[in-house]
Each structure stands twice: as structure tokens, then as C-alpha cells.
PDB file of N, CA and C in Angstrom:
ATOM      1  N   UNK A   1     -15.138   8.548  25.306  1.00  0.00           N
ATOM      2  CA  UNK A   1     -13.740   8.673  25.645  1.00  0.00           C
ATOM      3  C   UNK A   1     -12.828   8.350  24.457  1.00  0.00           C
ATOM      4  N   UNK A   2     -13.259   7.381  23.639  1.00  0.00           N
ATOM      5  CA  UNK A   2     -12.449   6.996  22.477  1.00  0.00           C
ATOM      6  C   UNK A   2     -12.293   8.154  21.500  1.00  0.00           C
ATOM      7  N   UNK A   3     -13.319   9.001  21.399  1.00  0.00           N
ATOM      8  CA  UNK A   3     -13.234  10.136  20.479  1.00  0.00           C
ATOM      9  C   UNK A   3     -12.221  11.160  20.968  1.00  0.00           C
ATOM     10  N   UNK A   4     -12.158  11.360  22.267  1.00  0.00           N
ATOM     11  CA  UNK A   4     -11.164  12.286  22.824  1.00  0.00           C
ATOM     12  C   UNK A   4      -9.762  11.742  22.569  1.00  0.00           C
ATOM     13  N   UNK A   5      -9.594  10.436  22.752  1.00  0.00           N
ATOM     14  CA  UNK A   5      -8.296   9.806  22.505  1.00  0.00           C
ATOM     15  C   UNK A   5      -7.925   9.936  21.031  1.00  0.00           C
ATOM     16  N   UNK A   6      -8.908   9.799  20.139  1.00  0.00           N
ATOM     17  CA  UNK A   6      -8.646   9.952  18.708  1.00  0.00           C
ATOM     18  C   UNK A   6      -8.209  11.381  18.385  1.00  0.00           C
ATOM     19  N   UNK A   7      -8.837  12.351  19.001  1.00  0.00           N
ATOM     20  CA  UNK A   7      -8.449  13.755  18.786  1.00  0.00           C
ATOM     21  C   UNK A   7      -7.033  13.993  19.303  1.00  0.00           C
ATOM     22  N   UNK A   8      -6.706  13.410  20.458  1.00  0.00           N
ATOM     23  CA  UNK A   8      -5.339  13.528  20.994  1.00  0.00           C
ATOM     24  C   UNK A   8      -4.342  12.912  20.013  1.00  0.00           C
ATOM     25  N   UNK A   9      -4.697  11.763  19.438  1.00  0.00           N
ATOM     26  CA  UNK A   9      -3.827  11.127  18.435  1.00  0.00           C
ATOM     27  C   UNK A   9      -3.611  12.066  17.254  1.00  0.00           C
ATOM     28  N   UNK A  10      -4.670  12.724  16.805  1.00  0.00           N
ATOM     29  CA  UNK A  10      -4.553  13.675  15.697  1.00  0.00           C
ATOM     30  C   UNK A  10      -3.688  14.870  16.055  1.00  0.00           C
ATOM     31  N   UNK A  11      -3.790  15.339  17.291  1.00  0.00           N
ATOM     32  CA  UNK A  11      -2.963  16.464  17.724  1.00  0.00           C
ATOM     33  C   UNK A  11      -1.490  16.074  17.773  1.00  0.00           C
ATOM     34  N   UNK A  12      -1.206  14.846  18.223  1.00  0.00           N
ATOM     35  CA  UNK A  12       0.184  14.385  18.198  1.00  0.00           C
ATOM     36  C   UNK A  12       0.679  14.233  16.761  1.00  0.00           C
ATOM     37  N   UNK A  13      -0.205  13.864  15.854  1.00  0.00           N
ATOM     38  CA  UNK A  13       0.172  13.777  14.439  1.00  0.00           C
ATOM     39  C   UNK A  13       0.554  15.166  13.917  1.00  0.00           C
ATOM     40  N   UNK A  14      -0.231  16.175  14.305  1.00  0.00           N
ATOM     41  CA  UNK A  14       0.091  17.546  13.906  1.00  0.00           C
ATOM     42  C   UNK A  14       1.435  17.979  14.478  1.00  0.00           C
ATOM     43  N   UNK A  15       1.684  17.659  15.744  1.00  0.00           N
ATOM     44  CA  UNK A  15       2.958  18.008  16.366  1.00  0.00           C
ATOM     45  C   UNK A  15       4.116  17.309  15.657  1.00  0.00           C
ATOM     46  N   UNK A  16       3.912  16.061  15.271  1.00  0.00           N
ATOM     47  CA  UNK A  16       4.955  15.314  14.565  1.00  0.00           C
ATOM     48  C   UNK A  16       5.289  15.973  13.226  1.00  0.00           C
ATOM     49  N   UNK A  17       4.270  16.420  12.518  1.00  0.00           N
ATOM     50  CA  UNK A  17       4.502  17.101  11.238  1.00  0.00           C
ATOM     51  C   UNK A  17       5.242  18.417  11.461  1.00  0.00           C
ATOM     52  N   UNK A  18       4.862  19.136  12.501  1.00  0.00           N
ATOM     53  CA  UNK A  18       5.554  20.379  12.843  1.00  0.00           C
ATOM     54  C   UNK A  18       7.026  20.106  13.153  1.00  0.00           C
ATOM     55  N   UNK A  19       7.283  19.063  13.926  1.00  0.00           N
ATOM     56  CA  UNK A  19       8.668  18.716  14.270  1.00  0.00           C
ATOM     57  C   UNK A  19       9.445  18.211  13.050  1.00  0.00           C
ATOM     58  N   UNK A  20       8.751  17.546  12.124  1.00  0.00           N
ATOM     59  CA  UNK A  20       9.399  17.108  10.889  1.00  0.00           C
ATOM     60  C   UNK A  20       9.892  18.324  10.100  1.00  0.00           C
ATOM     61  N   UNK A  21       9.045  19.325  10.002  1.00  0.00           N
ATOM     62  CA  UNK A  21       9.425  20.553   9.305  1.00  0.00           C
ATOM     63  C   UNK A  21      10.576  21.234  10.039  1.00  0.00           C
ATOM     64  N   UNK A  22      10.503  21.266  11.366  1.00  0.00           N
ATOM     65  CA  UNK A  22      11.557  21.882  12.161  1.00  0.00           C
ATOM     66  C   UNK A  22      12.884  21.132  11.984  1.00  0.00           C
ATOM     67  N   UNK A  23      12.822  19.821  11.948  1.00  0.00           N
ATOM     68  CA  UNK A  23      14.029  19.020  11.775  1.00  0.00           C
ATOM     69  C   UNK A  23      14.668  19.275  10.410  1.00  0.00           C
ATOM     70  N   UNK A  24      13.844  19.414   9.379  1.00  0.00           N
ATOM     71  CA  UNK A  24      14.386  19.695   8.044  1.00  0.00           C
ATOM     72  C   UNK A  24      15.037  21.072   7.981  1.00  0.00           C
ATOM     73  N   UNK A  25      14.600  21.980   8.818  1.00  0.00           N
ATOM     74  CA  UNK A  25      15.176  23.321   8.834  1.00  0.00           C
ATOM     75  C   UNK A  25      16.470  23.386   9.646  1.00  0.00           C
ATOM     76  N   UNK A  26      16.528  22.668  10.788  1.00  0.00           N
ATOM     77  CA  UNK A  26      17.656  22.839  11.702  1.00  0.00           C
ATOM     78  C   UNK A  26      18.503  21.586  11.910  1.00  0.00           C
ATOM     79  N   UNK A  27      17.971  20.421  11.609  1.00  0.00           N
ATOM     80  CA  UNK A  27      18.669  19.144  11.819  1.00  0.00           C
ATOM     81  C   UNK A  27      19.135  18.961  13.271  1.00  0.00           C
ATOM     82  N   UNK A  28      18.328  19.410  14.227  1.00  0.00           N
ATOM     83  CA  UNK A  28      18.706  19.255  15.631  1.00  0.00           C
ATOM     84  C   UNK A  28      18.213  17.909  16.168  1.00  0.00           C
ATOM     85  N   UNK A  29      18.935  17.395  17.140  1.00  0.00           N
ATOM     86  CA  UNK A  29      18.544  16.136  17.771  1.00  0.00           C
ATOM     87  C   UNK A  29      17.231  16.281  18.521  1.00  0.00           C
ATOM     88  N   UNK A  30      16.989  17.461  19.092  1.00  0.00           N
ATOM     89  CA  UNK A  30      15.754  17.687  19.832  1.00  0.00           C
ATOM     90  C   UNK A  30      14.535  17.596  18.922  1.00  0.00           C
ATOM     91  N   UNK A  31      14.569  18.273  17.782  1.00  0.00           N
ATOM     92  CA  UNK A  31      13.414  18.229  16.883  1.00  0.00           C
ATOM     93  C   UNK A  31      13.219  16.822  16.320  1.00  0.00           C
ATOM     94  N   UNK A  32      14.308  16.107  16.045  1.00  0.00           N
ATOM     95  CA  UNK A  32      14.193  14.730  15.558  1.00  0.00           C
ATOM     96  C   UNK A  32      13.583  13.832  16.638  1.00  0.00           C
ATOM     97  N   UNK A  33      14.052  13.980  17.866  1.00  0.00           N
ATOM     98  CA  UNK A  33      13.526  13.174  18.973  1.00  0.00           C
ATOM     99  C   UNK A  33      12.055  13.474  19.226  1.00  0.00           C
ATOM    100  N   UNK A  34      11.694  14.753  19.193  1.00  0.00           N
ATOM    101  CA  UNK A  34      10.288  15.121  19.385  1.00  0.00           C
ATOM    102  C   UNK A  34       9.417  14.612  18.241  1.00  0.00           C
ATOM    103  N   UNK A  35       9.944  14.608  17.029  1.00  0.00           N
ATOM    104  CA  UNK A  35       9.203  14.081  15.888  1.00  0.00           C
ATOM    105  C   UNK A  35       8.914  12.593  16.093  1.00  0.00           C
ATOM    106  N   UNK A  36       9.940  11.816  16.441  1.00  0.00           N
ATOM    107  CA  UNK A  36       9.772  10.380  16.642  1.00  0.00           C
ATOM    108  C   UNK A  36       8.804  10.108  17.791  1.00  0.00           C
ATOM    109  N   UNK A  37       8.972  10.828  18.899  1.00  0.00           N
ATOM    110  CA  UNK A  37       8.088  10.641  20.054  1.00  0.00           C
ATOM    111  C   UNK A  37       6.643  11.002  19.710  1.00  0.00           C
ATOM    112  N   UNK A  38       6.454  12.076  18.945  1.00  0.00           N
ATOM    113  CA  UNK A  38       5.101  12.501  18.566  1.00  0.00           C
ATOM    114  C   UNK A  38       4.429  11.478  17.655  1.00  0.00           C
ATOM    115  N   UNK A  39       5.183  10.954  16.681  1.00  0.00           N
ATOM    116  CA  UNK A  39       4.613   9.911  15.829  1.00  0.00           C
ATOM    117  C   UNK A  39       4.256   8.672  16.642  1.00  0.00           C
ATOM    118  N   UNK A  40       5.143   8.295  17.567  1.00  0.00           N
ATOM    119  CA  UNK A  40       4.882   7.105  18.392  1.00  0.00           C
ATOM    120  C   UNK A  40       3.636   7.300  19.247  1.00  0.00           C
ATOM    121  N   UNK A  41       3.517   8.462  19.879  1.00  0.00           N
ATOM    122  CA  UNK A  41       2.338   8.726  20.700  1.00  0.00           C
ATOM    123  C   UNK A  41       1.079   8.813  19.851  1.00  0.00           C
ATOM    124  N   UNK A  42       1.200   9.368  18.665  1.00  0.00           N
ATOM    125  CA  UNK A  42       0.055   9.449  17.765  1.00  0.00           C
ATOM    126  C   UNK A  42      -0.461   8.049  17.419  1.00  0.00           C
ATOM    127  N   UNK A  43       0.463   7.145  17.058  1.00  0.00           N
ATOM    128  CA  UNK A  43       0.060   5.777  16.728  1.00  0.00           C
ATOM    129  C   UNK A  43      -0.485   5.044  17.956  1.00  0.00           C
ATOM    130  N   UNK A  44       0.113   5.292  19.114  1.00  0.00           N
ATOM    131  CA  UNK A  44      -0.364   4.656  20.339  1.00  0.00           C
ATOM    132  C   UNK A  44      -1.803   5.070  20.631  1.00  0.00           C
ATOM    133  N   UNK A  45      -2.067   6.365  20.628  1.00  0.00           N
ATOM    134  CA  UNK A  45      -3.421   6.843  20.904  1.00  0.00           C
ATOM    135  C   UNK A  45      -4.396   6.406  19.812  1.00  0.00           C
ATOM    136  N   UNK A  46      -3.949   6.370  18.566  1.00  0.00           N
ATOM    137  CA  UNK A  46      -4.812   5.885  17.493  1.00  0.00           C
ATOM    138  C   UNK A  46      -5.196   4.429  17.741  1.00  0.00           C
ATOM    139  N   UNK A  47      -4.237   3.605  18.099  1.00  0.00           N
ATOM    140  CA  UNK A  47      -4.541   2.184  18.318  1.00  0.00           C
ATOM    141  C   UNK A  47      -5.492   2.000  19.496  1.00  0.00           C
ATOM    142  N   UNK A  48      -5.358   2.823  20.527  1.00  0.00           N
ATOM    143  CA  UNK A  48      -6.279   2.747  21.661  1.00  0.00           C
ATOM    144  C   UNK A  48      -7.687   3.156  21.220  1.00  0.00           C
ATOM    145  N   UNK A  49      -7.775   4.231  20.452  1.00  0.00           N
ATOM    146  CA  UNK A  49      -9.085   4.709  19.989  1.00  0.00           C
ATOM    147  C   UNK A  49      -9.765   3.684  19.081  1.00  0.00           C
ATOM    148  N   UNK A  50      -8.967   2.981  18.274  1.00  0.00           N
ATOM    149  CA  UNK A  50      -9.551   2.020  17.325  1.00  0.00           C
ATOM    150  C   UNK A  50     -10.082   0.766  18.010  1.00  0.00           C
ATOM    151  N   UNK A  51      -9.873   0.636  19.304  1.00  0.00           N
ATOM    152  CA  UNK A  51     -10.502  -0.464  20.034  1.00  0.00           C
ATOM    153  C   UNK A  51     -12.011  -0.258  20.129  1.00  0.00           C
ATOM    154  N   UNK A  52     -12.453   1.007  20.060  1.00  0.00           N
ATOM    155  CA  UNK A  52     -13.880   1.324  20.191  1.00  0.00           C
ATOM    156  C   UNK A  52     -14.495   1.944  18.943  1.00  0.00           C
ATOM    157  N   UNK A  53     -13.672   2.535  18.116  1.00  0.00           N
ATOM    158  CA  UNK A  53     -14.158   3.224  16.917  1.00  0.00           C
ATOM    159  C   UNK A  53     -13.822   2.355  15.717  1.00  0.00           C
ATOM    160  N   UNK A  54     -14.745   2.224  14.753  1.00  0.00           N
ATOM    161  CA  UNK A  54     -14.436   1.440  13.553  1.00  0.00           C
ATOM    162  C   UNK A  54     -13.181   1.984  12.852  1.00  0.00           C
ATOM    163  N   UNK A  55     -12.343   1.069  12.377  1.00  0.00           N
ATOM    164  CA  UNK A  55     -11.068   1.437  11.771  1.00  0.00           C
ATOM    165  C   UNK A  55     -11.233   2.426  10.625  1.00  0.00           C
ATOM    166  N   UNK A  56     -12.188   2.182   9.744  1.00  0.00           N
ATOM    167  CA  UNK A  56     -12.340   3.059   8.582  1.00  0.00           C
ATOM    168  C   UNK A  56     -12.660   4.491   9.001  1.00  0.00           C
ATOM    169  N   UNK A  57     -13.494   4.669   9.993  1.00  0.00           N
ATOM    170  CA  UNK A  57     -13.860   5.999  10.442  1.00  0.00           C
ATOM    171  C   UNK A  57     -12.728   6.620  11.262  1.00  0.00           C
ATOM    172  N   UNK A  58     -12.161   5.863  12.173  1.00  0.00           N
ATOM    173  CA  UNK A  58     -11.101   6.388  13.022  1.00  0.00           C
ATOM    174  C   UNK A  58      -9.890   6.819  12.225  1.00  0.00           C
ATOM    175  N   UNK A  59      -9.485   5.981  11.278  1.00  0.00           N
ATOM    176  CA  UNK A  59      -8.311   6.312  10.468  1.00  0.00           C
ATOM    177  C   UNK A  59      -8.577   7.539   9.602  1.00  0.00           C
ATOM    178  N   UNK A  60      -9.765   7.622   9.021  1.00  0.00           N
ATOM    179  CA  UNK A  60     -10.096   8.779   8.178  1.00  0.00           C
ATOM    180  C   UNK A  60     -10.085  10.070   8.989  1.00  0.00           C
ATOM    181  N   UNK A  61     -10.622  10.026  10.184  1.00  0.00           N
ATOM    182  CA  UNK A  61     -10.660  11.225  11.021  1.00  0.00           C
ATOM    183  C   UNK A  61      -9.252  11.592  11.490  1.00  0.00           C
ATOM    184  N   UNK A  62      -8.478  10.603  11.897  1.00  0.00           N
ATOM    185  CA  UNK A  62      -7.091  10.839  12.337  1.00  0.00           C
ATOM    186  C   UNK A  62      -6.277  11.460  11.200  1.00  0.00           C
ATOM    187  N   UNK A  63      -6.428  10.914  10.010  1.00  0.00           N
ATOM    188  CA  UNK A  63      -5.716  11.447   8.843  1.00  0.00           C
ATOM    189  C   UNK A  63      -6.170  12.869   8.526  1.00  0.00           C
ATOM    190  N   UNK A  64      -7.475  13.107   8.619  1.00  0.00           N
ATOM    191  CA  UNK A  64      -8.002  14.446   8.351  1.00  0.00           C
ATOM    192  C   UNK A  64      -7.481  15.479   9.331  1.00  0.00           C
ATOM    193  N   UNK A  65      -7.439  15.104  10.617  1.00  0.00           N
ATOM    194  CA  UNK A  65      -6.905  16.023  11.622  1.00  0.00           C
ATOM    195  C   UNK A  65      -5.437  16.332  11.309  1.00  0.00           C
ATOM    196  N   UNK A  66      -4.669  15.303  11.007  1.00  0.00           N
ATOM    197  CA  UNK A  66      -3.253  15.501  10.705  1.00  0.00           C
ATOM    198  C   UNK A  66      -3.028  16.318   9.454  1.00  0.00           C
ATOM    199  N   UNK A  67      -3.788  16.020   8.404  1.00  0.00           N
ATOM    200  CA  UNK A  67      -3.604  16.728   7.130  1.00  0.00           C
ATOM    201  C   UNK A  67      -4.034  18.186   7.230  1.00  0.00           C
ATOM    202  N   UNK A  68      -5.241  18.410   7.713  1.00  0.00           N
ATOM    203  CA  UNK A  68      -5.731  19.785   7.822  1.00  0.00           C
ATOM    204  C   UNK A  68      -4.917  20.557   8.848  1.00  0.00           C
ATOM    205  N   UNK A  69      -4.616  19.916   9.971  1.00  0.00           N
ATOM    206  CA  UNK A  69      -3.833  20.583  11.009  1.00  0.00           C
ATOM    207  C   UNK A  69      -2.447  20.954  10.524  1.00  0.00           C
ATOM    208  N   UNK A  70      -1.814  20.046   9.795  1.00  0.00           N
ATOM    209  CA  UNK A  70      -0.487  20.340   9.244  1.00  0.00           C
ATOM    210  C   UNK A  70      -0.525  21.510   8.275  1.00  0.00           C
ATOM    211  N   UNK A  71      -1.547  21.549   7.453  1.00  0.00           N
ATOM    212  CA  UNK A  71      -1.673  22.658   6.498  1.00  0.00           C
ATOM    213  C   UNK A  71      -1.943  23.981   7.221  1.00  0.00           C
ATOM    214  N   UNK A  72      -2.779  23.935   8.249  1.00  0.00           N
ATOM    215  CA  UNK A  72      -3.079  25.155   9.005  1.00  0.00           C
ATOM    216  C   UNK A  72      -1.829  25.651   9.736  1.00  0.00           C
ATOM    217  N   UNK A  73      -1.054  24.729  10.311  1.00  0.00           N
ATOM    218  CA  UNK A  73       0.205  25.114  10.960  1.00  0.00           C
ATOM    219  C   UNK A  73       1.134  25.773   9.941  1.00  0.00           C
ATOM    220  N   UNK A  74       1.199  25.214   8.733  1.00  0.00           N
ATOM    221  CA  UNK A  74       2.028  25.799   7.680  1.00  0.00           C
ATOM    222  C   UNK A  74       1.596  27.212   7.333  1.00  0.00           C
ATOM    223  N   UNK A  75       0.304  27.428   7.279  1.00  0.00           N
ATOM    224  CA  UNK A  75      -0.219  28.763   6.964  1.00  0.00           C
ATOM    225  C   UNK A  75       0.102  29.752   8.085  1.00  0.00           C
ATOM    226  N   UNK A  76      -0.104  29.324   9.324  1.00  0.00           N
ATOM    227  CA  UNK A  76       0.071  30.235  10.460  1.00  0.00           C
ATOM    228  C   UNK A  76       1.547  30.506  10.763  1.00  0.00           C
ATOM    229  N   UNK A  77       2.355  29.450  10.831  1.00  0.00           N
ATOM    230  CA  UNK A  77       3.725  29.612  11.316  1.00  0.00           C
ATOM    231  C   UNK A  77       4.785  29.712  10.226  1.00  0.00           C
ATOM    232  N   UNK A  78       4.493  29.228   9.018  1.00  0.00           N
ATOM    233  CA  UNK A  78       5.521  29.190   7.982  1.00  0.00           C
ATOM    234  C   UNK A  78       5.163  30.005   6.748  1.00  0.00           C
ATOM    235  N   UNK A  79       4.163  30.866   6.889  1.00  0.00           N
ATOM    236  CA  UNK A  79       3.780  31.796   5.832  1.00  0.00           C
ATOM    237  C   UNK A  79       3.496  31.096   4.501  1.00  0.00           C
ATOM    238  N   UNK A  80       2.872  29.922   4.574  1.00  0.00           N
ATOM    239  CA  UNK A  80       2.481  29.233   3.346  1.00  0.00           C
ATOM    240  C   UNK A  80       1.251  29.913   2.748  1.00  0.00           C
ATOM    241  N   UNK A  81       0.949  29.575   1.526  1.00  0.00           N
ATOM    242  CA  UNK A  81      -0.125  30.221   0.773  1.00  0.00           C
ATOM    243  C   UNK A  81      -1.449  30.221   1.538  1.00  0.00           C
ATOM    244  N   UNK A  82      -2.139  31.371   1.470  1.00  0.00           N
ATOM    245  CA  UNK A  82      -3.449  31.532   2.108  1.00  0.00           C
ATOM    246  C   UNK A  82      -4.531  31.806   1.065  1.00  0.00           C
ATOM    247  N   UNK A  83      -4.305  31.340  -0.166  1.00  0.00           N
ATOM    248  CA  UNK A  83      -5.283  31.685  -1.196  1.00  0.00           C
ATOM    249  C   UNK A  83      -6.637  31.017  -0.937  1.00  0.00           C
ATOM    250  N   UNK A  84      -7.659  31.575  -1.534  1.00  0.00           N
ATOM    251  CA  UNK A  84      -9.036  31.162  -1.262  1.00  0.00           C
ATOM    252  C   UNK A  84      -9.283  29.688  -1.603  1.00  0.00           C
ATOM    253  N   UNK A  85      -8.689  29.203  -2.686  1.00  0.00           N
ATOM    254  CA  UNK A  85      -8.902  27.799  -3.065  1.00  0.00           C
ATOM    255  C   UNK A  85      -8.332  26.859  -2.008  1.00  0.00           C
ATOM    256  N   UNK A  86      -7.166  27.190  -1.515  1.00  0.00           N
ATOM    257  CA  UNK A  86      -6.554  26.352  -0.479  1.00  0.00           C
ATOM    258  C   UNK A  86      -7.409  26.339   0.791  1.00  0.00           C
ATOM    259  N   UNK A  87      -7.872  27.498   1.219  1.00  0.00           N
ATOM    260  CA  UNK A  87      -8.736  27.592   2.399  1.00  0.00           C
ATOM    261  C   UNK A  87     -10.031  26.830   2.168  1.00  0.00           C
ATOM    262  N   UNK A  88     -10.580  26.914   0.978  1.00  0.00           N
ATOM    263  CA  UNK A  88     -11.810  26.193   0.647  1.00  0.00           C
ATOM    264  C   UNK A  88     -11.619  24.684   0.800  1.00  0.00           C
ATOM    265  N   UNK A  89     -10.545  24.153   0.234  1.00  0.00           N
ATOM    266  CA  UNK A  89     -10.337  22.712   0.299  1.00  0.00           C
ATOM    267  C   UNK A  89      -9.951  22.247   1.703  1.00  0.00           C
ATOM    268  N   UNK A  90      -9.246  23.065   2.455  1.00  0.00           N
ATOM    269  CA  UNK A  90      -9.002  22.734   3.858  1.00  0.00           C
ATOM    270  C   UNK A  90     -10.318  22.681   4.628  1.00  0.00           C
ATOM    271  N   UNK A  91     -11.203  23.606   4.313  1.00  0.00           N
ATOM    272  CA  UNK A  91     -12.530  23.602   4.937  1.00  0.00           C
ATOM    273  C   UNK A  91     -13.291  22.330   4.601  1.00  0.00           C
ATOM    274  N   UNK A  92     -13.147  21.849   3.381  1.00  0.00           N
ATOM    275  CA  UNK A  92     -13.809  20.595   3.001  1.00  0.00           C
ATOM    276  C   UNK A  92     -13.291  19.419   3.823  1.00  0.00           C
ATOM    277  N   UNK A  93     -11.980  19.383   4.055  1.00  0.00           N
ATOM    278  CA  UNK A  93     -11.417  18.310   4.880  1.00  0.00           C
ATOM    279  C   UNK A  93     -12.010  18.374   6.287  1.00  0.00           C
ATOM    280  N   UNK A  94     -12.035  19.565   6.861  1.00  0.00           N
ATOM    281  CA  UNK A  94     -12.573  19.733   8.216  1.00  0.00           C
ATOM    282  C   UNK A  94     -14.045  19.371   8.262  1.00  0.00           C
ATOM    283  N   UNK A  95     -14.813  19.803   7.275  1.00  0.00           N
ATOM    284  CA  UNK A  95     -16.235  19.462   7.231  1.00  0.00           C
ATOM    285  C   UNK A  95     -16.443  17.947   7.059  1.00  0.00           C
ATOM    286  N   UNK A  96     -15.575  17.308   6.293  1.00  0.00           N
ATOM    287  CA  UNK A  96     -15.667  15.845   6.106  1.00  0.00           C
ATOM    288  C   UNK A  96     -15.406  15.121   7.434  1.00  0.00           C
ATOM    289  N   UNK A  97     -14.427  15.594   8.190  1.00  0.00           N
ATOM    290  CA  UNK A  97     -14.133  14.986   9.495  1.00  0.00           C
ATOM    291  C   UNK A  97     -15.329  15.154  10.421  1.00  0.00           C
ATOM    292  N   UNK A  98     -15.900  16.352  10.457  1.00  0.00           N
ATOM    293  CA  UNK A  98     -17.079  16.600  11.290  1.00  0.00           C
ATOM    294  C   UNK A  98     -18.241  15.727  10.835  1.00  0.00           C
ATOM    295  N   UNK A  99     -18.426  15.627   9.522  1.00  0.00           N
ATOM    296  CA  UNK A  99     -19.502  14.794   8.972  1.00  0.00           C
ATOM    297  C   UNK A  99     -19.348  13.328   9.352  1.00  0.00           C
ATOM    298  N   UNK A 100     -18.123  12.820   9.282  1.00  0.00           N
ATOM    299  CA  UNK A 100     -17.883  11.421   9.675  1.00  0.00           C
ATOM    300  C   UNK A 100     -18.232  11.205  11.147  1.00  0.00           C
ATOM    301  N   UNK A 101     -17.887  12.155  11.994  1.00  0.00           N
ATOM    302  CA  UNK A 101     -18.200  12.046  13.419  1.00  0.00           C
ATOM    303  C   UNK A 101     -19.702  12.060  13.631  1.00  0.00           C
ATOM    304  N   UNK A 102     -20.387  12.944  12.934  1.00  0.00           N
ATOM    305  CA  UNK A 102     -21.848  13.040  13.098  1.00  0.00           C
ATOM    306  C   UNK A 102     -22.558  11.794  12.612  1.00  0.00           C
ATOM    307  N   UNK A 103     -22.033  11.169  11.563  1.00  0.00           N
ATOM    308  CA  UNK A 103     -22.647   9.949  11.041  1.00  0.00           C
ATOM    309  C   UNK A 103     -22.309   8.724  11.877  1.00  0.00           C
ATOM    310  N   UNK A 104     -21.198   8.800  12.617  1.00  0.00           N
ATOM    311  CA  UNK A 104     -20.753   7.659  13.416  1.00  0.00           C
ATOM    312  C   UNK A 104     -21.498   7.582  14.691  1.00  0.00           C
TER     313      UNK A 104
END
């Protein structure tokens, strides 16, 4: 169950990054409020997950989900670079997260 909670925390981290980008584009109160709420929920779920998962592994996986997810959102929704090197290194982040889970 802790792993599912950790994944939820990572998804809220991705949503927070998306809302951060949206807020910088529009400066709306809604996007700012959603950004703050998403970060708060992300930290809440992370802290719950870290009750059962070692901090070093949980934090690394949470960060990986947020980093890779944020980059993928940028590629899909904001037409950011899709060059092969970028995709390769994003794949490495995802593989590292999977590897940490398999070793844990």
C-alpha cells in the first residue's frame, strides 16, 4: 500500500509542476491555488509513504516520478524538445526508478 501512496505523491508532484507552469503563463488564482494544493498533497502522501518505505529510496523514487513526469508533460503539452538524447536520459530516470523499486 505504501508504494501506491508513493506513486500518488509523485502524481501530485507532476500536477504541481504542471500548475506551476500554468501559473507562470496566466497568473490566475486558480492555477496558483491548485499548485499549492498539489504540492501540499504531494508532501502529505510522501510523508505517509515514508512511514513504511526507507527515506532514501522513497525520496529518490518520488523525485524521479516528479522529474520525469514533469519533463514528459512538457514534451506532450508544451511542445518542448523531443530529441533523442533527451528521450534517452528521461528513459534512464524511469529505469532508475523501476530499478530502485525492484531492489527494494
